[in-house]
Amino acid sequence: CHERDQRKCVLTKAGEPYDVAHIYPFSMRYQSDTVGQQGLSFWGTLRLFWSKERIDSWYNSISSFGTEFCHNLISLAPHAHAYWTRAYFALKPISLSEDKKRLDVQFFWLPPRSRTPGVDILQVPSLPENLDQGPNCTALHSLQTDKRICSGDEFSLETDDPVARPLPDFSVLEMQWFLHRITAMSGAAESQDDLNDDGDDSDND
């Protein structure tokens, strides 16, 4: 994804050094869709909360190309990658152009929440727009606009060749959008180091 993202962070537009981040965590690349000895699989658990069609779409997107291809990779500045790993922010996929050369996403900081024994499943989570910082006094600055990146800001990811250098997969980004918000709501964002995706960097362009 180096060439696709022009060797810079897709959010801050900062150049090297930057990280190649996994959308679906590298550490979970061997998760299967079968029931193991410990009970429900990761995917089986997701099926308790979302429709079979949606989960099948997520699973098929991952299983068809794996974690080490452009579909699952995105270029982020090192600090943005760290915030991403900890679910300090999420990217909401909005639309993919018909020629698959442009993917529009919306950025949202995920407000910190205290860890609680339970979460009211009927409570609609709030995601205020114009929020210009994340948990623990974190922030991201756009070199393109010379302003802080705020909740609600939209970004366009582009490629000149959707076959050789495809954009991030819409379904995988959608899964990230849901799961990052759940992580933040549960107060478990600080426990995401176990899912750190700092595996071997892919050489895919």
Foldseek 3Di string as FASTA:
>chain_A
DCVLCVQAAQFQRHHPPKAKAFLQFQVCQPFDCDADPVGGTPLRVVVVPDPPVLSVVQVCVCVVPHGQALQGIGIHHPVVRVCLLLLQKAWQWDDADPVQFKTKIFIFGAEADAADPDDDPPDDDDTDWQAAATPPRHWGAHPVVRGTDIGGDMGMRGGPDCVQNGHHHNSSSNVSRVVSNVCRRNNNSVVSVVRRRPDDHHPRD
